[in-house]
Amino acid sequence: ILPYSIRAKGMTVVWFCIDAALFFNQYINPIALDNIGWKYYIFY
């Protein structure tokens, strides 16, 4: 869906959002699972 002139930059936005979400998930998930267990699933 991205035109050539902004394709690389647009995909960089996609990767940024993926990596930011991954960092949050990978750092927060084990802490949340240890502390509140299945109740953490309600957020999702």
ModelCIF file with pLDDT and N, C-alpha, C, O atoms, coordinates in Angstrom:
data_MODEL
#
_entry.id   MODEL 
#
_entity.id                         1 
_entity.type                       polymer 
_entity.pdbx_number_of_molecules   1 
#
_entity_poly.entity_id                      1 
_entity_poly.type                           'polypeptide(L)' 
_entity_poly.nstd_linkage                   no 
_entity_poly.nstd_monomer                   no 
_entity_poly.pdbx_seq_one_letter_code       ILPYSIRAKGMTVVWFCIDAALFFNQYINPIALDNIGWKYYIFY 
_entity_poly.pdbx_seq_one_letter_code_can   ILPYSIRAKGMTVVWFCIDAALFFNQYINPIALDNIGWKYYIFY 
_entity_poly.pdbx_strand_id                 A 
#
loop_
_entity_poly_seq.entity_id 
_entity_poly_seq.num 
_entity_poly_seq.mon_id 
_entity_poly_seq.hetero 
1 1  ILE n 
1 2  LEU n 
1 3  PRO n 
1 4  TYR n 
1 5  SER n 
1 6  ILE n 
1 7  ARG n 
1 8  ALA n 
1 9  LYS n 
1 10 GLY n 
1 11 MET n 
1 12 THR n 
1 13 VAL n 
1 14 VAL n 
1 15 TRP n 
1 16 PHE n 
1 17 CYS n 
1 18 ILE n 
1 19 ASP n 
1 20 ALA n 
1 21 ALA n 
1 22 LEU n 
1 23 PHE n 
1 24 PHE n 
1 25 ASN n 
1 26 GLN n 
1 27 TYR n 
1 28 ILE n 
1 29 ASN n 
1 30 PRO n 
1 31 ILE n 
1 32 ALA n 
1 33 LEU n 
1 34 ASP n 
1 35 ASN n 
1 36 ILE n 
1 37 GLY n 
1 38 TRP n 
1 39 LYS n 
1 40 TYR n 
1 41 TYR n 
1 42 ILE n 
1 43 PHE n 
1 44 TYR n 
#
_struct_asym.id          A 
_struct_asym.entity_id   1 
#
loop_
_ma_qa_metric.id 
_ma_qa_metric.mode 
_ma_qa_metric.name 
_ma_qa_metric.software_group_id 
_ma_qa_metric.type 
1 global pLDDT . pLDDT 
2 local  pLDDT . pLDDT 
#
_ma_qa_metric_global.metric_id      1 
_ma_qa_metric_global.metric_value   84.25 
_ma_qa_metric_global.model_id       1 
_ma_qa_metric_global.ordinal_id     1 
#
loop_
_ma_qa_metric_local.label_asym_id 
_ma_qa_metric_local.label_comp_id 
_ma_qa_metric_local.label_seq_id 
_ma_qa_metric_local.metric_id 
_ma_qa_metric_local.metric_value 
_ma_qa_metric_local.model_id 
_ma_qa_metric_local.ordinal_id 
A ILE 1  2 94.00 1 1  
A LEU 2  2 92.00 1 2  
A PRO 3  2 90.00 1 3  
A TYR 4  2 87.00 1 4  
A SER 5  2 85.00 1 5  
A ILE 6  2 90.00 1 6  
A ARG 7  2 92.00 1 7  
A ALA 8  2 89.00 1 8  
A LYS 9  2 92.00 1 9  
A GLY 10 2 93.00 1 10 
A MET 11 2 92.00 1 11 
A THR 12 2 91.00 1 12 
A VAL 13 2 94.00 1 13 
A VAL 14 2 94.00 1 14 
A TRP 15 2 89.00 1 15 
A PHE 16 2 91.00 1 16 
A CYS 17 2 93.00 1 17 
A ILE 18 2 89.00 1 18 
A ASP 19 2 84.00 1 19 
A ALA 20 2 86.00 1 20 
A ALA 21 2 86.00 1 21 
A LEU 22 2 80.00 1 22 
A PHE 23 2 79.00 1 23 
A PHE 24 2 79.00 1 24 
A ASN 25 2 76.00 1 25 
A GLN 26 2 70.00 1 26 
A TYR 27 2 74.00 1 27 
A ILE 28 2 78.00 1 28 
A ASN 29 2 74.00 1 29 
A PRO 30 2 74.00 1 30 
A ILE 31 2 77.00 1 31 
A ALA 32 2 78.00 1 32 
A LEU 33 2 74.00 1 33 
A ASP 34 2 75.00 1 34 
A ASN 35 2 79.00 1 35 
A ILE 36 2 78.00 1 36 
A GLY 37 2 75.00 1 37 
A TRP 38 2 77.00 1 38 
A LYS 39 2 85.00 1 39 
A TYR 40 2 83.00 1 40 
A TYR 41 2 84.00 1 41 
A ILE 42 2 89.00 1 42 
A PHE 43 2 88.00 1 43 
A TYR 44 2 88.00 1 44 
#
loop_
_atom_site.group_PDB 
_atom_site.id 
_atom_site.type_symbol 
_atom_site.label_atom_id 
_atom_site.label_alt_id 
_atom_site.label_comp_id 
_atom_site.label_asym_id 
_atom_site.label_entity_id 
_atom_site.label_seq_id 
_atom_site.pdbx_PDB_ins_code 
_atom_site.Cartn_x 
_atom_site.Cartn_y 
_atom_site.Cartn_z 
_atom_site.occupancy 
_atom_site.B_iso_or_equiv 
_atom_site.pdbx_formal_charge 
_atom_site.auth_seq_id 
_atom_site.auth_comp_id 
_atom_site.auth_asym_id 
_atom_site.auth_atom_id 
_atom_site.pdbx_PDB_model_num 
ATOM 1   N N  . ILE A 1 1  ? 0.814  -1.218  0.000  1.00 94.00 ? 1  ILE A N  1 
ATOM 2   C CA . ILE A 1 1  ? 0.000  0.000   0.000  1.00 94.00 ? 1  ILE A CA 1 
ATOM 3   C C  . ILE A 1 1  ? 0.847  1.268   0.000  1.00 94.00 ? 1  ILE A C  1 
ATOM 4   O O  . ILE A 1 1  ? 0.311  2.363   -0.170 1.00 94.00 ? 1  ILE A O  1 
ATOM 5   N N  . LEU A 1 2  ? 2.163  1.141   0.188  1.00 92.00 ? 2  LEU A N  1 
ATOM 6   C CA . LEU A 1 2  ? 3.041  2.305   0.277  1.00 92.00 ? 2  LEU A CA 1 
ATOM 7   C C  . LEU A 1 2  ? 3.642  2.658   -1.083 1.00 92.00 ? 2  LEU A C  1 
ATOM 8   O O  . LEU A 1 2  ? 4.177  1.773   -1.750 1.00 92.00 ? 2  LEU A O  1 
ATOM 9   N N  . PRO A 1 3  ? 3.574  3.924   -1.522 1.00 90.00 ? 3  PRO A N  1 
ATOM 10  C CA . PRO A 1 3  ? 4.239  4.350   -2.755 1.00 90.00 ? 3  PRO A CA 1 
ATOM 11  C C  . PRO A 1 3  ? 5.760  4.211   -2.618 1.00 90.00 ? 3  PRO A C  1 
ATOM 12  O O  . PRO A 1 3  ? 6.279  4.167   -1.503 1.00 90.00 ? 3  PRO A O  1 
ATOM 13  N N  . TYR A 1 4  ? 6.465  4.143   -3.733 1.00 87.00 ? 4  TYR A N  1 
ATOM 14  C CA . TYR A 1 4  ? 7.909  3.907   -3.689 1.00 87.00 ? 4  TYR A CA 1 
ATOM 15  C C  . TYR A 1 4  ? 8.627  4.932   -2.830 1.00 87.00 ? 4  TYR A C  1 
ATOM 16  O O  . TYR A 1 4  ? 9.492  4.567   -2.034 1.00 87.00 ? 4  TYR A O  1 
ATOM 17  N N  . SER A 1 5  ? 8.284  6.215   -2.973 1.00 85.00 ? 5  SER A N  1 
ATOM 18  C CA . SER A 1 5  ? 9.051  7.275   -2.305 1.00 85.00 ? 5  SER A CA 1 
ATOM 19  C C  . SER A 1 5  ? 9.027  7.167   -0.784 1.00 85.00 ? 5  SER A C  1 
ATOM 20  O O  . SER A 1 5  ? 9.944  7.642   -0.115 1.00 85.00 ? 5  SER A O  1 
ATOM 21  N N  . ILE A 1 6  ? 7.976  6.540   -0.228 1.00 90.00 ? 6  ILE A N  1 
ATOM 22  C CA . ILE A 1 6  ? 7.895  6.413   1.235  1.00 90.00 ? 6  ILE A CA 1 
ATOM 23  C C  . ILE A 1 6  ? 7.832  4.947   1.671  1.00 90.00 ? 6  ILE A C  1 
ATOM 24  O O  . ILE A 1 6  ? 7.535  4.652   2.829  1.00 90.00 ? 6  ILE A O  1 
ATOM 25  N N  . ARG A 1 7  ? 8.112  4.034   0.742  1.00 92.00 ? 7  ARG A N  1 
ATOM 26  C CA . ARG A 1 7  ? 7.970  2.608   1.078  1.00 92.00 ? 7  ARG A CA 1 
ATOM 27  C C  . ARG A 1 7  ? 8.940  2.188   2.174  1.00 92.00 ? 7  ARG A C  1 
ATOM 28  O O  . ARG A 1 7  ? 8.535  1.529   3.132  1.00 92.00 ? 7  ARG A O  1 
ATOM 29  N N  . ALA A 1 8  ? 10.211 2.558   2.053  1.00 89.00 ? 8  ALA A N  1 
ATOM 30  C CA . ALA A 1 8  ? 11.198 2.162   3.066  1.00 89.00 ? 8  ALA A CA 1 
ATOM 31  C C  . ALA A 1 8  ? 10.888 2.810   4.410  1.00 89.00 ? 8  ALA A C  1 
ATOM 32  O O  . ALA A 1 8  ? 11.009 2.171   5.455  1.00 89.00 ? 8  ALA A O  1 
ATOM 33  N N  . LYS A 1 9  ? 10.488 4.080   4.381  1.00 92.00 ? 9  LYS A N  1 
ATOM 34  C CA . LYS A 1 9  ? 10.180 4.783   5.632  1.00 92.00 ? 9  LYS A CA 1 
ATOM 35  C C  . LYS A 1 9  ? 8.897  4.248   6.254  1.00 92.00 ? 9  LYS A C  1 
ATOM 36  O O  . LYS A 1 9  ? 8.811  4.090   7.472  1.00 92.00 ? 9  LYS A O  1 
ATOM 37  N N  . GLY A 1 10 ? 7.900  3.970   5.417  1.00 93.00 ? 10 GLY A N  1 
ATOM 38  C CA . GLY A 1 10 ? 6.653  3.417   5.928  1.00 93.00 ? 10 GLY A CA 1 
ATOM 39  C C  . GLY A 1 10 ? 6.859  2.060   6.578  1.00 93.00 ? 10 GLY A C  1 
ATOM 40  O O  . GLY A 1 10 ? 6.287  1.777   7.630  1.00 93.00 ? 10 GLY A O  1 
ATOM 41  N N  . MET A 1 11 ? 7.683  1.212   5.946  1.00 92.00 ? 11 MET A N  1 
ATOM 42  C CA . MET A 1 11 ? 7.960  -0.098  6.532  1.00 92.00 ? 11 MET A CA 1 
ATOM 43  C C  . MET A 1 11 ? 8.795  0.035   7.808  1.00 92.00 ? 11 MET A C  1 
ATOM 44  O O  . MET A 1 11 ? 8.701  -0.799  8.709  1.00 92.00 ? 11 MET A O  1 
ATOM 45  N N  . THR A 1 12 ? 9.609  1.083   7.876  1.00 91.00 ? 12 THR A N  1 
ATOM 46  C CA . THR A 1 12 ? 10.367 1.329   9.109  1.00 91.00 ? 12 THR A CA 1 
ATOM 47  C C  . THR A 1 12 ? 9.415  1.632   10.258 1.00 91.00 ? 12 THR A C  1 
ATOM 48  O O  . THR A 1 12 ? 9.658  1.222   11.393 1.00 91.00 ? 12 THR A O  1 
ATOM 49  N N  . VAL A 1 13 ? 8.324  2.356   9.965  1.00 94.00 ? 13 VAL A N  1 
ATOM 50  C CA . VAL A 1 13 ? 7.299  2.612   10.981 1.00 94.00 ? 13 VAL A CA 1 
ATOM 51  C C  . VAL A 1 13 ? 6.681  1.287   11.444 1.00 94.00 ? 13 VAL A C  1 
ATOM 52  O O  . VAL A 1 13 ? 6.452  1.080   12.635 1.00 94.00 ? 13 VAL A O  1 
ATOM 53  N N  . VAL A 1 14 ? 6.414  0.390   10.478 1.00 94.00 ? 14 VAL A N  1 
ATOM 54  C CA . VAL A 1 14 ? 5.860  -0.926  10.824 1.00 94.00 ? 14 VAL A CA 1 
ATOM 55  C C  . VAL A 1 14 ? 6.813  -1.665  11.748 1.00 94.00 ? 14 VAL A C  1 
ATOM 56  O O  . VAL A 1 14 ? 6.399  -2.194  12.780 1.00 94.00 ? 14 VAL A O  1 
ATOM 57  N N  . TRP A 1 15 ? 8.117  -1.705  11.373 1.00 89.00 ? 15 TRP A N  1 
ATOM 58  C CA . TRP A 1 15 ? 9.101  -2.428  12.192 1.00 89.00 ? 15 TRP A CA 1 
ATOM 59  C C  . TRP A 1 15 ? 9.259  -1.779  13.567 1.00 89.00 ? 15 TRP A C  1 
ATOM 60  O O  . TRP A 1 15 ? 9.446  -2.470  14.568 1.00 89.00 ? 15 TRP A O  1 
ATOM 61  N N  . PHE A 1 16 ? 9.182  -0.436  13.608 1.00 91.00 ? 16 PHE A N  1 
ATOM 62  C CA . PHE A 1 16 ? 9.280  0.247   14.905 1.00 91.00 ? 16 PHE A CA 1 
ATOM 63  C C  . PHE A 1 16 ? 8.142  -0.190  15.833 1.00 91.00 ? 16 PHE A C  1 
ATOM 64  O O  . PHE A 1 16 ? 8.361  -0.506  17.002 1.00 91.00 ? 16 PHE A O  1 
ATOM 65  N N  . CYS A 1 17 ? 6.934  -0.200  15.289 1.00 93.00 ? 17 CYS A N  1 
ATOM 66  C CA . CYS A 1 17 ? 5.774  -0.593  16.097 1.00 93.00 ? 17 CYS A CA 1 
ATOM 67  C C  . CYS A 1 17 ? 5.873  -2.058  16.529 1.00 93.00 ? 17 CYS A C  1 
ATOM 68  O O  . CYS A 1 17 ? 5.516  -2.402  17.656 1.00 93.00 ? 17 CYS A O  1 
ATOM 69  N N  . ILE A 1 18 ? 6.357  -2.915  15.632 1.00 89.00 ? 18 ILE A N  1 
ATOM 70  C CA . ILE A 1 18 ? 6.542  -4.327  15.984 1.00 89.00 ? 18 ILE A CA 1 
ATOM 71  C C  . ILE A 1 18 ? 7.561  -4.469  17.100 1.00 89.00 ? 18 ILE A C  1 
ATOM 72  O O  . ILE A 1 18 ? 7.321  -5.165  18.087 1.00 89.00 ? 18 ILE A O  1 
ATOM 73  N N  . ASP A 1 19 ? 8.712  -3.799  16.938 1.00 84.00 ? 19 ASP A N  1 
ATOM 74  C CA . ASP A 1 19 ? 9.787  -3.934  17.930 1.00 84.00 ? 19 ASP A CA 1 
ATOM 75  C C  . ASP A 1 19 ? 9.398  -3.312  19.264 1.00 84.00 ? 19 ASP A C  1 
ATOM 76  O O  . ASP A 1 19 ? 9.728  -3.845  20.324 1.00 84.00 ? 19 ASP A O  1 
ATOM 77  N N  . ALA A 1 20 ? 8.692  -2.173  19.210 1.00 86.00 ? 20 ALA A N  1 
ATOM 78  C CA . ALA A 1 20 ? 8.243  -1.541  20.456 1.00 86.00 ? 20 ALA A CA 1 
ATOM 79  C C  . ALA A 1 20 ? 7.264  -2.457  21.190 1.00 86.00 ? 20 ALA A C  1 
ATOM 80  O O  . ALA A 1 20 ? 7.341  -2.622  22.408 1.00 86.00 ? 20 ALA A O  1 
ATOM 81  N N  . ALA A 1 21 ? 6.337  -3.050  20.425 1.00 86.00 ? 21 ALA A N  1 
ATOM 82  C CA . ALA A 1 21 ? 5.372  -3.972  21.026 1.00 86.00 ? 21 ALA A CA 1 
ATOM 83  C C  . ALA A 1 21 ? 6.064  -5.215  21.566 1.00 86.00 ? 21 ALA A C  1 
ATOM 84  O O  . ALA A 1 21 ? 5.725  -5.706  22.642 1.00 86.00 ? 21 ALA A O  1 
ATOM 85  N N  . LEU A 1 22 ? 7.040  -5.724  20.809 1.00 80.00 ? 22 LEU A N  1 
ATOM 86  C CA . LEU A 1 22 ? 7.786  -6.901  21.259 1.00 80.00 ? 22 LEU A CA 1 
ATOM 87  C C  . LEU A 1 22 ? 8.565  -6.616  22.532 1.00 80.00 ? 22 LEU A C  1 
ATOM 88  O O  . LEU A 1 22 ? 8.580  -7.430  23.455 1.00 80.00 ? 22 LEU A O  1 
ATOM 89  N N  . PHE A 1 23 ? 9.214  -5.450  22.577 1.00 79.00 ? 23 PHE A N  1 
ATOM 90  C CA . PHE A 1 23 ? 9.982  -5.103  23.764 1.00 79.00 ? 23 PHE A CA 1 
ATOM 91  C C  . PHE A 1 23 ? 9.070  -5.030  24.983 1.00 79.00 ? 23 PHE A C  1 
ATOM 92  O O  . PHE A 1 23 ? 9.402  -5.545  26.050 1.00 79.00 ? 23 PHE A O  1 
ATOM 93  N N  . PHE A 1 24 ? 7.925  -4.389  24.813 1.00 79.00 ? 24 PHE A N  1 
ATOM 94  C CA . PHE A 1 24 ? 6.961  -4.300  25.914 1.00 79.00 ? 24 PHE A CA 1 
ATOM 95  C C  . PHE A 1 24 ? 6.509  -5.696  26.338 1.00 79.00 ? 24 PHE A C  1 
ATOM 96  O O  . PHE A 1 24 ? 6.510  -6.034  27.522 1.00 79.00 ? 24 PHE A O  1 
ATOM 97  N N  . ASN A 1 25 ? 6.120  -6.504  25.334 1.00 76.00 ? 25 ASN A N  1 
ATOM 98  C CA . ASN A 1 25 ? 5.635  -7.855  25.627 1.00 76.00 ? 25 ASN A CA 1 
ATOM 99  C C  . ASN A 1 25 ? 6.683  -8.705  26.330 1.00 76.00 ? 25 ASN A C  1 
ATOM 100 O O  . ASN A 1 25 ? 6.411  -9.347  27.345 1.00 76.00 ? 25 ASN A O  1 
ATOM 101 N N  . GLN A 1 26 ? 7.883  -8.695  25.770 1.00 70.00 ? 26 GLN A N  1 
ATOM 102 C CA . GLN A 1 26 ? 8.922  -9.593  26.270 1.00 70.00 ? 26 GLN A CA 1 
ATOM 103 C C  . GLN A 1 26 ? 9.416  -9.190  27.654 1.00 70.00 ? 26 GLN A C  1 
ATOM 104 O O  . GLN A 1 26 ? 9.862  -10.034 28.431 1.00 70.00 ? 26 GLN A O  1 
ATOM 105 N N  . TYR A 1 27 ? 9.335  -7.905  27.957 1.00 74.00 ? 27 TYR A N  1 
ATOM 106 C CA . TYR A 1 27 ? 9.795  -7.444  29.266 1.00 74.00 ? 27 TYR A CA 1 
ATOM 107 C C  . TYR A 1 27 ? 8.684  -7.509  30.308 1.00 74.00 ? 27 TYR A C  1 
ATOM 108 O O  . TYR A 1 27 ? 8.913  -7.898  31.453 1.00 74.00 ? 27 TYR A O  1 
ATOM 109 N N  . ILE A 1 28 ? 7.472  -7.121  29.894 1.00 78.00 ? 28 ILE A N  1 
ATOM 110 C CA . ILE A 1 28 ? 6.349  -7.041  30.834 1.00 78.00 ? 28 ILE A CA 1 
ATOM 111 C C  . ILE A 1 28 ? 5.669  -8.389  31.037 1.00 78.00 ? 28 ILE A C  1 
ATOM 112 O O  . ILE A 1 28 ? 5.263  -8.711  32.154 1.00 78.00 ? 28 ILE A O  1 
ATOM 113 N N  . ASN A 1 29 ? 5.536  -9.190  29.965 1.00 74.00 ? 29 ASN A N  1 
ATOM 114 C CA . ASN A 1 29 ? 4.774  -10.435 30.063 1.00 74.00 ? 29 ASN A CA 1 
ATOM 115 C C  . ASN A 1 29 ? 5.213  -11.358 31.201 1.00 74.00 ? 29 ASN A C  1 
ATOM 116 O O  . ASN A 1 29 ? 4.364  -11.810 31.970 1.00 74.00 ? 29 ASN A O  1 
ATOM 117 N N  . PRO A 1 30 ? 6.527  -11.658 31.336 1.00 74.00 ? 30 PRO A N  1 
ATOM 118 C CA . PRO A 1 30 ? 6.905  -12.574 32.424 1.00 74.00 ? 30 PRO A CA 1 
ATOM 119 C C  . PRO A 1 30 ? 6.627  -12.002 33.813 1.00 74.00 ? 30 PRO A C  1 
ATOM 120 O O  . PRO A 1 30 ? 6.312  -12.740 34.746 1.00 74.00 ? 30 PRO A O  1 
ATOM 121 N N  . ILE A 1 31 ? 6.748  -10.657 33.943 1.00 77.00 ? 31 ILE A N  1 
ATOM 122 C CA . ILE A 1 31 ? 6.468  -10.019 35.229 1.00 77.00 ? 31 ILE A CA 1 
ATOM 123 C C  . ILE A 1 31 ? 4.981  -10.116 35.541 1.00 77.00 ? 31 ILE A C  1 
ATOM 124 O O  . ILE A 1 31 ? 4.593  -10.446 36.661 1.00 77.00 ? 31 ILE A O  1 
ATOM 125 N N  . ALA A 1 32 ? 4.136  -9.819  34.525 1.00 78.00 ? 32 ALA A N  1 
ATOM 126 C CA . ALA A 1 32 ? 2.682  -9.871  34.710 1.00 78.00 ? 32 ALA A CA 1 
ATOM 127 C C  . ALA A 1 32 ? 2.214  -11.298 34.993 1.00 78.00 ? 32 ALA A C  1 
ATOM 128 O O  . ALA A 1 32 ? 1.357  -11.518 35.850 1.00 78.00 ? 32 ALA A O  1 
ATOM 129 N N  . LEU A 1 33 ? 2.780  -12.261 34.270 1.00 74.00 ? 33 LEU A N  1 
ATOM 130 C CA . LEU A 1 33 ? 2.384  -13.660 34.480 1.00 74.00 ? 33 LEU A CA 1 
ATOM 131 C C  . LEU A 1 33 ? 2.761  -14.131 35.877 1.00 74.00 ? 33 LEU A C  1 
ATOM 132 O O  . LEU A 1 33 ? 2.014  -14.879 36.508 1.00 74.00 ? 33 LEU A O  1 
ATOM 133 N N  . ASP A 1 34 ? 3.929  -13.690 36.363 1.00 75.00 ? 34 ASP A N  1 
ATOM 134 C CA . ASP A 1 34 ? 4.362  -14.077 37.714 1.00 75.00 ? 34 ASP A CA 1 
ATOM 135 C C  . ASP A 1 34 ? 3.461  -13.485 38.790 1.00 75.00 ? 34 ASP A C  1 
ATOM 136 O O  . ASP A 1 34 ? 3.252  -14.103 39.834 1.00 75.00 ? 34 ASP A O  1 
ATOM 137 N N  . ASN A 1 35 ? 2.926  -12.287 38.542 1.00 79.00 ? 35 ASN A N  1 
ATOM 138 C CA . ASN A 1 35 ? 2.201  -11.567 39.589 1.00 79.00 ? 35 ASN A CA 1 
ATOM 139 C C  . ASN A 1 35 ? 0.678  -11.723 39.554 1.00 79.00 ? 35 ASN A C  1 
ATOM 140 O O  . ASN A 1 35 ? 0.042  -11.829 40.602 1.00 79.00 ? 35 ASN A O  1 
ATOM 141 N N  . ILE A 1 36 ? 0.099  -11.735 38.362 1.00 78.00 ? 36 ILE A N  1 
ATOM 142 C CA . ILE A 1 36 ? -1.374 -11.816 38.308 1.00 78.00 ? 36 ILE A CA 1 
ATOM 143 C C  . ILE A 1 36 ? -1.885 -13.009 37.508 1.00 78.00 ? 36 ILE A C  1 
ATOM 144 O O  . ILE A 1 36 ? -3.094 -13.226 37.441 1.00 78.00 ? 36 ILE A O  1 
ATOM 145 N N  . GLY A 1 37 ? -0.987 -13.788 36.897 1.00 75.00 ? 37 GLY A N  1 
ATOM 146 C CA . GLY A 1 37 ? -1.388 -15.021 36.231 1.00 75.00 ? 37 GLY A CA 1 
ATOM 147 C C  . GLY A 1 37 ? -2.415 -14.819 35.131 1.00 75.00 ? 37 GLY A C  1 
ATOM 148 O O  . GLY A 1 37 ? -2.270 -13.936 34.286 1.00 75.00 ? 37 GLY A O  1 
ATOM 149 N N  . TRP A 1 38 ? -3.475 -15.660 35.148 1.00 77.00 ? 38 TRP A N  1 
ATOM 150 C CA . TRP A 1 38 ? -4.463 -15.647 34.065 1.00 77.00 ? 38 TRP A CA 1 
ATOM 151 C C  . TRP A 1 38 ? -5.222 -14.322 33.967 1.00 77.00 ? 38 TRP A C  1 
ATOM 152 O O  . TRP A 1 38 ? -5.758 -14.014 32.902 1.00 77.00 ? 38 TRP A O  1 
ATOM 153 N N  . LYS A 1 39 ? -5.284 -13.546 35.017 1.00 85.00 ? 39 LYS A N  1 
ATOM 154 C CA . LYS A 1 39 ? -6.014 -12.270 34.977 1.00 85.00 ? 39 LYS A CA 1 
ATOM 155 C C  . LYS A 1 39 ? -5.398 -11.306 33.954 1.00 85.00 ? 39 LYS A C  1 
ATOM 156 O O  . LYS A 1 39 ? -6.062 -10.393 33.464 1.00 85.00 ? 39 LYS A O  1 
ATOM 157 N N  . TYR A 1 40 ? -4.131 -11.527 33.647 1.00 83.00 ? 40 TYR A N  1 
ATOM 158 C CA . TYR A 1 40 ? -3.455 -10.688 32.654 1.00 83.00 ? 40 TYR A CA 1 
ATOM 159 C C  . TYR A 1 40 ? -4.074 -10.881 31.276 1.00 83.00 ? 40 TYR A C  1 
ATOM 160 O O  . TYR A 1 40 ? -4.006 -9.982  30.437 1.00 83.00 ? 40 TYR A O  1 
ATOM 161 N N  . TYR A 1 41 ? -4.680 -12.047 31.032 1.00 84.00 ? 41 TYR A N  1 
ATOM 162 C CA . TYR A 1 41 ? -5.284 -12.335 29.731 1.00 84.00 ? 41 TYR A CA 1 
ATOM 163 C C  . TYR A 1 41 ? -6.471 -11.418 29.426 1.00 84.00 ? 41 TYR A C  1 
ATOM 164 O O  . TYR A 1 41 ? -6.798 -11.183 28.263 1.00 84.00 ? 41 TYR A O  1 
ATOM 165 N N  . ILE A 1 42 ? -7.108 -10.906 30.473 1.00 89.00 ? 42 ILE A N  1 
ATOM 166 C CA . ILE A 1 42 ? -8.289 -10.051 30.270 1.00 89.00 ? 42 ILE A CA 1 
ATOM 167 C C  . ILE A 1 42 ? -7.930 -8.812  29.446 1.00 89.00 ? 42 ILE A C  1 
ATOM 168 O O  . ILE A 1 42 ? -8.722 -8.347  28.626 1.00 89.00 ? 42 ILE A O  1 
ATOM 169 N N  . PHE A 1 43 ? -6.724 -8.286  29.677 1.00 88.00 ? 43 PHE A N  1 
ATOM 170 C CA . PHE A 1 43 ? -6.272 -7.121  28.900 1.00 88.00 ? 43 PHE A CA 1 
ATOM 171 C C  . PHE A 1 43 ? -6.305 -7.416  27.403 1.00 88.00 ? 43 PHE A C  1 
ATOM 172 O O  . PHE A 1 43 ? -6.754 -6.587  26.610 1.00 88.00 ? 43 PHE A O  1 
ATOM 173 N N  . TYR A 1 44 ? -5.827 -8.604  27.021 1.00 88.00 ? 44 TYR A N  1 
ATOM 174 C CA . TYR A 1 44 ? -5.784 -8.949  25.601 1.00 88.00 ? 44 TYR A CA 1 
ATOM 175 C C  . TYR A 1 44 ? -7.178 -9.181  25.030 1.00 88.00 ? 44 TYR A C  1 
ATOM 176 O O  . TYR A 1 44 ? -7.318 -9.482  23.845 1.00 88.00 ? 44 TYR A O  1 
#
